[in-house]
């Protein structure tokens, strides 16, 4: 469940953890609906290769990334627009990850560092300053 709230100078989105304790949110990349999983251990937003192709993301220069499963190759890209509830981020650094399985985009620190976030009691609160 996702709830957005607007206050004086901020927008908040509250997420409830799933049964595994992960925070998953349906959002958008460049106007297309995707499912994100919050991953503060990931440096960048990571988009599975097949999904990146269907979203029309350009593959920039190749980089080697270290993952829990070892080294893998990815490609730099930029997300023009990333939306989580009422929170909108622009020009977010991301990685096209051909070796990433699944249908979820990992919402890494290239997006999360633009927000304040607090985890408490099985919920995650994301806050974006509007000032």
N, C-alpha and C. Protein backbone atom coordinates (compact mmCIF):
# COMPACT_ATOMS: atom_id res chain seq x y z
N UNK A 1 0.84 -1.18 0.00
CA UNK A 1 0.00 0.00 0.00
C UNK A 1 0.88 1.25 0.00
N UNK A 2 0.49 2.24 -0.78
CA UNK A 2 1.24 3.49 -0.89
C UNK A 2 0.29 4.64 -0.60
N UNK A 3 0.73 5.55 0.25
CA UNK A 3 -0.06 6.74 0.53
C UNK A 3 0.82 7.96 0.35
N UNK A 4 0.34 8.95 -0.41
CA UNK A 4 1.08 10.20 -0.61
C UNK A 4 0.42 11.29 0.22
N UNK A 5 1.25 12.18 0.75
CA UNK A 5 0.75 13.29 1.54
C UNK A 5 1.57 14.53 1.21
N UNK A 6 0.89 15.66 1.08
CA UNK A 6 1.56 16.94 0.81
C UNK A 6 1.51 17.78 2.08
N UNK A 7 2.65 18.39 2.42
CA UNK A 7 2.70 19.30 3.56
C UNK A 7 3.36 20.59 3.13
N UNK A 8 3.60 21.46 4.09
CA UNK A 8 4.24 22.74 3.81
C UNK A 8 5.71 22.51 3.48
N UNK A 9 6.03 22.49 2.20
CA UNK A 9 7.42 22.34 1.78
C UNK A 9 7.88 20.91 1.56
N UNK A 10 6.95 19.95 1.55
CA UNK A 10 7.37 18.57 1.32
C UNK A 10 6.24 17.73 0.72
N UNK A 11 6.66 16.62 0.13
CA UNK A 11 5.75 15.56 -0.30
C UNK A 11 6.25 14.29 0.37
N UNK A 12 5.34 13.52 0.97
CA UNK A 12 5.71 12.26 1.60
C UNK A 12 4.98 11.10 0.94
N UNK A 13 5.67 9.99 0.86
CA UNK A 13 5.07 8.73 0.41
C UNK A 13 5.40 7.69 1.46
N UNK A 14 4.37 7.00 1.94
CA UNK A 14 4.57 5.97 2.95
C UNK A 14 4.34 4.59 2.34
N UNK A 15 5.28 3.68 2.60
CA UNK A 15 5.20 2.32 2.09
C UNK A 15 5.13 1.35 3.26
N UNK A 16 4.37 0.30 3.10
CA UNK A 16 4.35 -0.79 4.06
C UNK A 16 5.22 -1.92 3.52
N UNK A 17 6.01 -2.53 4.39
CA UNK A 17 6.85 -3.65 3.98
C UNK A 17 5.99 -4.86 3.61
N UNK A 18 6.50 -5.67 2.69
CA UNK A 18 5.78 -6.90 2.34
C UNK A 18 6.11 -8.00 3.35
N UNK A 19 5.63 -9.20 3.12
CA UNK A 19 5.85 -10.30 4.08
C UNK A 19 7.31 -10.62 4.30
N UNK A 20 8.13 -10.37 3.29
CA UNK A 20 9.56 -10.63 3.41
C UNK A 20 10.30 -9.43 4.01
N UNK A 21 9.58 -8.36 4.30
CA UNK A 21 10.20 -7.16 4.87
C UNK A 21 10.76 -6.21 3.83
N UNK A 22 10.50 -6.50 2.55
CA UNK A 22 10.98 -5.62 1.47
C UNK A 22 9.96 -4.51 1.23
N UNK A 23 10.47 -3.39 0.77
CA UNK A 23 9.60 -2.28 0.41
C UNK A 23 9.49 -2.21 -1.10
N UNK A 24 8.29 -2.47 -1.59
CA UNK A 24 8.01 -2.54 -3.02
C UNK A 24 6.95 -1.48 -3.33
N UNK A 25 7.15 -0.77 -4.43
CA UNK A 25 6.20 0.29 -4.81
C UNK A 25 6.03 0.30 -6.33
N UNK A 26 4.80 0.45 -6.75
CA UNK A 26 4.53 0.65 -8.17
C UNK A 26 4.72 2.13 -8.47
N UNK A 27 5.50 2.41 -9.48
CA UNK A 27 5.79 3.79 -9.86
C UNK A 27 5.93 3.88 -11.36
N UNK A 28 6.66 4.89 -11.80
CA UNK A 28 6.83 5.09 -13.24
C UNK A 28 8.25 5.49 -13.57
N UNK A 29 8.69 5.03 -14.73
CA UNK A 29 9.92 5.51 -15.37
C UNK A 29 9.50 6.09 -16.71
N UNK A 30 9.77 7.36 -16.90
CA UNK A 30 9.44 8.04 -18.16
C UNK A 30 7.99 7.80 -18.58
N UNK A 31 7.08 7.82 -17.59
CA UNK A 31 5.66 7.68 -17.86
C UNK A 31 5.15 6.26 -18.00
N UNK A 32 6.03 5.27 -17.89
CA UNK A 32 5.63 3.86 -18.01
C UNK A 32 5.64 3.21 -16.63
N UNK A 33 4.61 2.44 -16.32
CA UNK A 33 4.47 1.82 -15.01
C UNK A 33 5.46 0.68 -14.82
N UNK A 34 6.15 0.70 -13.68
CA UNK A 34 7.09 -0.35 -13.30
C UNK A 34 6.94 -0.62 -11.81
N UNK A 35 7.49 -1.73 -11.36
CA UNK A 35 7.53 -2.04 -9.94
C UNK A 35 8.95 -1.85 -9.44
N UNK A 36 9.10 -1.07 -8.37
CA UNK A 36 10.39 -0.82 -7.76
C UNK A 36 10.52 -1.60 -6.46
N UNK A 37 11.73 -2.04 -6.16
CA UNK A 37 12.05 -2.54 -4.84
C UNK A 37 13.16 -1.65 -4.29
N UNK A 38 12.93 -1.08 -3.11
CA UNK A 38 13.91 -0.21 -2.48
C UNK A 38 15.15 -1.04 -2.16
N UNK A 39 16.32 -0.55 -2.57
CA UNK A 39 17.59 -1.24 -2.31
C UNK A 39 18.66 -0.20 -1.99
N UNK A 40 18.78 0.13 -0.70
CA UNK A 40 19.76 1.14 -0.29
C UNK A 40 21.19 0.63 -0.41
N UNK A 41 21.36 -0.66 -0.68
CA UNK A 41 22.70 -1.21 -0.91
C UNK A 41 23.16 -1.08 -2.35
N UNK A 42 22.26 -0.66 -3.22
CA UNK A 42 22.60 -0.47 -4.64
C UNK A 42 23.02 0.98 -4.85
N UNK A 43 24.13 1.18 -5.53
CA UNK A 43 24.61 2.54 -5.80
C UNK A 43 23.65 3.30 -6.69
N UNK A 44 23.18 2.65 -7.74
CA UNK A 44 22.30 3.30 -8.72
C UNK A 44 20.97 2.57 -8.82
N UNK A 45 20.02 3.23 -9.44
CA UNK A 45 18.80 2.55 -9.85
C UNK A 45 19.23 1.53 -10.90
N UNK A 46 18.79 0.28 -10.76
CA UNK A 46 19.19 -0.79 -11.69
C UNK A 46 17.95 -1.34 -12.38
N UNK A 47 17.97 -1.29 -13.71
CA UNK A 47 16.84 -1.73 -14.52
C UNK A 47 17.23 -3.00 -15.26
N UNK A 48 16.45 -4.10 -15.10
CA UNK A 48 16.76 -5.32 -15.86
C UNK A 48 16.85 -5.02 -17.36
N UNK A 49 17.76 -5.70 -18.05
CA UNK A 49 18.02 -5.43 -19.46
C UNK A 49 16.80 -5.49 -20.36
N UNK A 50 15.99 -6.55 -20.23
CA UNK A 50 14.81 -6.68 -21.09
C UNK A 50 13.82 -5.54 -20.84
N UNK A 51 13.65 -5.19 -19.56
CA UNK A 51 12.75 -4.10 -19.22
C UNK A 51 13.27 -2.77 -19.77
N UNK A 52 14.58 -2.56 -19.65
CA UNK A 52 15.19 -1.33 -20.18
C UNK A 52 14.93 -1.20 -21.67
N UNK A 53 15.04 -2.32 -22.39
CA UNK A 53 14.77 -2.31 -23.83
C UNK A 53 13.31 -1.92 -24.10
N UNK A 54 12.38 -2.50 -23.33
CA UNK A 54 10.96 -2.20 -23.56
C UNK A 54 10.63 -0.76 -23.17
N UNK A 55 11.40 -0.18 -22.25
CA UNK A 55 11.20 1.22 -21.86
C UNK A 55 11.90 2.19 -22.80
N UNK A 56 12.70 1.65 -23.72
CA UNK A 56 13.42 2.49 -24.67
C UNK A 56 14.61 3.21 -24.07
N UNK A 57 15.19 2.65 -23.00
CA UNK A 57 16.34 3.30 -22.37
C UNK A 57 17.59 3.07 -23.21
N UNK A 58 18.36 4.12 -23.37
CA UNK A 58 19.61 4.03 -24.13
C UNK A 58 20.69 3.42 -23.26
N UNK A 59 21.48 2.56 -23.87
CA UNK A 59 22.62 1.96 -23.17
C UNK A 59 23.84 2.82 -23.44
N UNK A 60 24.35 3.42 -22.39
CA UNK A 60 25.55 4.25 -22.52
C UNK A 60 26.79 3.39 -22.41
N UNK A 61 27.85 3.98 -21.84
CA UNK A 61 29.11 3.24 -21.76
C UNK A 61 29.00 2.07 -20.79
N UNK A 62 29.77 1.02 -21.09
CA UNK A 62 29.76 -0.20 -20.29
C UNK A 62 30.55 0.01 -19.01
N UNK A 63 30.04 -0.58 -17.92
CA UNK A 63 30.72 -0.54 -16.63
C UNK A 63 30.67 -1.93 -16.01
N UNK A 64 31.65 -2.23 -15.18
CA UNK A 64 31.64 -3.47 -14.41
C UNK A 64 31.10 -3.14 -13.03
N UNK A 65 30.11 -3.90 -12.59
CA UNK A 65 29.50 -3.66 -11.28
C UNK A 65 29.71 -4.87 -10.40
N UNK A 66 29.90 -4.61 -9.11
CA UNK A 66 30.03 -5.68 -8.12
C UNK A 66 28.67 -5.92 -7.50
N UNK A 67 28.22 -7.16 -7.52
CA UNK A 67 26.93 -7.51 -6.93
C UNK A 67 27.15 -8.62 -5.91
N UNK A 68 26.09 -8.98 -5.22
CA UNK A 68 26.17 -10.08 -4.27
C UNK A 68 26.53 -11.39 -4.97
N UNK A 69 26.26 -11.47 -6.27
CA UNK A 69 26.55 -12.67 -7.05
C UNK A 69 27.84 -12.57 -7.85
N UNK A 70 28.67 -11.57 -7.54
CA UNK A 70 29.93 -11.40 -8.26
C UNK A 70 29.88 -10.21 -9.21
N UNK A 71 30.87 -10.12 -10.06
CA UNK A 71 30.94 -9.01 -11.01
C UNK A 71 30.02 -9.25 -12.21
N UNK A 72 29.49 -8.16 -12.74
CA UNK A 72 28.58 -8.22 -13.87
C UNK A 72 28.79 -6.96 -14.71
N UNK A 73 28.36 -7.02 -15.95
CA UNK A 73 28.47 -5.84 -16.81
C UNK A 73 27.13 -5.13 -16.87
N UNK A 74 27.19 -3.82 -16.86
CA UNK A 74 26.00 -3.00 -17.00
C UNK A 74 26.31 -1.82 -17.90
N UNK A 75 25.30 -1.01 -18.15
CA UNK A 75 25.46 0.14 -19.04
C UNK A 75 24.82 1.36 -18.39
N UNK A 76 25.55 2.46 -18.36
CA UNK A 76 25.04 3.70 -17.80
C UNK A 76 23.87 4.22 -18.63
N UNK A 77 22.90 4.81 -17.95
CA UNK A 77 21.80 5.48 -18.61
C UNK A 77 21.27 6.55 -17.66
N UNK A 78 20.38 7.37 -18.15
CA UNK A 78 19.73 8.39 -17.32
C UNK A 78 18.23 8.26 -17.49
N UNK A 79 17.52 8.29 -16.36
CA UNK A 79 16.06 8.26 -16.38
C UNK A 79 15.58 9.71 -16.38
N UNK A 80 14.91 10.11 -17.43
CA UNK A 80 14.43 11.49 -17.51
C UNK A 80 13.47 11.81 -16.37
N UNK A 81 12.61 10.82 -16.04
CA UNK A 81 11.59 11.06 -15.00
C UNK A 81 11.32 9.75 -14.27
N UNK A 82 11.36 9.82 -12.95
CA UNK A 82 11.07 8.67 -12.10
C UNK A 82 10.03 9.14 -11.10
N UNK A 83 8.92 8.41 -10.98
CA UNK A 83 7.84 8.82 -10.09
C UNK A 83 7.50 7.72 -9.11
N UNK A 84 7.35 8.13 -7.83
CA UNK A 84 6.95 7.26 -6.73
C UNK A 84 5.79 7.94 -6.02
N UNK A 85 4.58 7.45 -6.21
CA UNK A 85 3.44 8.19 -5.66
C UNK A 85 3.45 9.58 -6.26
N UNK A 86 3.40 10.61 -5.40
CA UNK A 86 3.43 11.99 -5.88
C UNK A 86 4.84 12.57 -5.94
N UNK A 87 5.84 11.80 -5.57
CA UNK A 87 7.23 12.24 -5.64
C UNK A 87 7.73 12.05 -7.07
N UNK A 88 8.32 13.10 -7.63
CA UNK A 88 8.88 13.04 -8.98
C UNK A 88 10.35 13.45 -8.93
N UNK A 89 11.21 12.60 -9.48
CA UNK A 89 12.64 12.88 -9.60
C UNK A 89 12.97 12.97 -11.08
N UNK A 90 13.90 13.84 -11.44
CA UNK A 90 14.28 13.98 -12.84
C UNK A 90 15.78 13.75 -13.01
N UNK A 91 16.15 13.33 -14.20
CA UNK A 91 17.55 13.10 -14.56
C UNK A 91 18.28 12.22 -13.54
N UNK A 92 17.73 11.04 -13.30
CA UNK A 92 18.27 10.11 -12.31
C UNK A 92 19.27 9.18 -12.98
N UNK A 93 20.47 9.10 -12.41
CA UNK A 93 21.49 8.17 -12.93
C UNK A 93 21.01 6.74 -12.68
N UNK A 94 21.18 5.90 -13.69
CA UNK A 94 20.72 4.52 -13.59
C UNK A 94 21.66 3.60 -14.34
N UNK A 95 21.40 2.32 -14.20
CA UNK A 95 22.20 1.28 -14.81
C UNK A 95 21.28 0.30 -15.50
N UNK A 96 21.53 0.04 -16.77
CA UNK A 96 20.85 -1.06 -17.46
C UNK A 96 21.65 -2.31 -17.10
N UNK A 97 20.96 -3.28 -16.49
CA UNK A 97 21.63 -4.47 -15.95
C UNK A 97 21.13 -5.72 -16.67
N UNK A 98 21.79 -6.12 -17.78
CA UNK A 98 21.34 -7.29 -18.53
C UNK A 98 21.28 -8.56 -17.68
N UNK A 99 22.13 -8.68 -16.67
CA UNK A 99 22.15 -9.88 -15.84
C UNK A 99 21.17 -9.86 -14.69
N UNK A 100 20.41 -8.79 -14.54
CA UNK A 100 19.45 -8.68 -13.44
C UNK A 100 18.17 -9.41 -13.82
N UNK A 101 17.84 -10.43 -13.04
CA UNK A 101 16.63 -11.21 -13.30
C UNK A 101 15.43 -10.54 -12.64
N UNK A 102 14.26 -10.89 -13.11
CA UNK A 102 13.04 -10.43 -12.48
C UNK A 102 12.42 -9.25 -13.18
N UNK A 103 11.31 -8.84 -12.62
CA UNK A 103 10.51 -7.76 -13.21
C UNK A 103 10.53 -6.51 -12.35
N UNK A 104 11.45 -6.44 -11.40
CA UNK A 104 11.52 -5.28 -10.52
C UNK A 104 12.74 -4.44 -10.82
N UNK A 105 12.56 -3.13 -10.73
CA UNK A 105 13.65 -2.18 -10.81
C UNK A 105 14.17 -1.98 -9.40
N UNK A 106 15.48 -2.07 -9.21
CA UNK A 106 16.06 -1.81 -7.90
C UNK A 106 16.22 -0.31 -7.73
N UNK A 107 15.57 0.24 -6.73
CA UNK A 107 15.63 1.68 -6.49
C UNK A 107 16.81 1.96 -5.57
N UNK A 108 17.95 2.21 -6.18
CA UNK A 108 19.20 2.42 -5.45
C UNK A 108 19.41 3.86 -5.03
N UNK A 109 20.61 4.11 -4.53
CA UNK A 109 20.92 5.39 -3.90
C UNK A 109 20.97 6.57 -4.86
N UNK A 110 21.14 6.35 -6.16
CA UNK A 110 21.13 7.49 -7.08
C UNK A 110 19.77 8.20 -7.03
N UNK A 111 18.72 7.48 -6.68
CA UNK A 111 17.40 8.09 -6.46
C UNK A 111 17.17 8.39 -4.98
N UNK A 112 17.49 7.43 -4.12
CA UNK A 112 17.19 7.58 -2.69
C UNK A 112 17.92 8.75 -2.04
N UNK A 113 19.14 9.07 -2.53
CA UNK A 113 19.89 10.16 -1.90
C UNK A 113 19.24 11.52 -2.15
N UNK A 114 18.28 11.58 -3.05
CA UNK A 114 17.56 12.82 -3.31
C UNK A 114 16.37 13.00 -2.36
N UNK A 115 16.15 11.99 -1.51
CA UNK A 115 15.03 11.98 -0.58
C UNK A 115 15.52 11.80 0.85
N UNK A 116 14.68 12.19 1.79
CA UNK A 116 14.89 11.77 3.18
C UNK A 116 14.08 10.49 3.34
N UNK A 117 14.61 9.53 4.09
CA UNK A 117 13.82 8.32 4.30
C UNK A 117 14.02 7.81 5.72
N UNK A 118 12.92 7.31 6.29
CA UNK A 118 12.91 6.80 7.65
C UNK A 118 12.14 5.49 7.66
N UNK A 119 12.73 4.47 8.29
CA UNK A 119 12.06 3.18 8.42
C UNK A 119 11.68 2.99 9.88
N UNK A 120 10.40 2.70 10.12
CA UNK A 120 9.95 2.52 11.49
C UNK A 120 8.72 1.61 11.50
N UNK A 121 8.75 0.62 12.34
CA UNK A 121 7.58 -0.23 12.55
C UNK A 121 7.04 -0.90 11.30
N UNK A 122 7.92 -1.36 10.43
CA UNK A 122 7.47 -2.05 9.22
C UNK A 122 7.04 -1.12 8.10
N UNK A 123 7.20 0.17 8.30
CA UNK A 123 6.86 1.15 7.26
C UNK A 123 8.10 1.95 6.86
N UNK A 124 8.09 2.44 5.64
CA UNK A 124 9.16 3.30 5.14
C UNK A 124 8.52 4.60 4.68
N UNK A 125 9.05 5.70 5.20
CA UNK A 125 8.55 7.02 4.84
C UNK A 125 9.59 7.70 3.96
N UNK A 126 9.18 8.07 2.74
CA UNK A 126 10.03 8.82 1.82
C UNK A 126 9.54 10.26 1.82
N UNK A 127 10.48 11.21 1.90
CA UNK A 127 10.09 12.62 1.92
C UNK A 127 10.94 13.40 0.93
N UNK A 128 10.26 14.19 0.10
CA UNK A 128 10.93 15.06 -0.86
C UNK A 128 10.64 16.50 -0.48
N UNK A 129 11.69 17.29 -0.36
CA UNK A 129 11.52 18.71 -0.09
C UNK A 129 11.05 19.40 -1.36
N UNK A 130 10.08 20.30 -1.21
CA UNK A 130 9.59 21.06 -2.36
C UNK A 130 10.03 22.51 -2.30
N UNK A 131 10.90 22.83 -1.36
CA UNK A 131 11.39 24.21 -1.23
C UNK A 131 12.72 24.36 -1.90
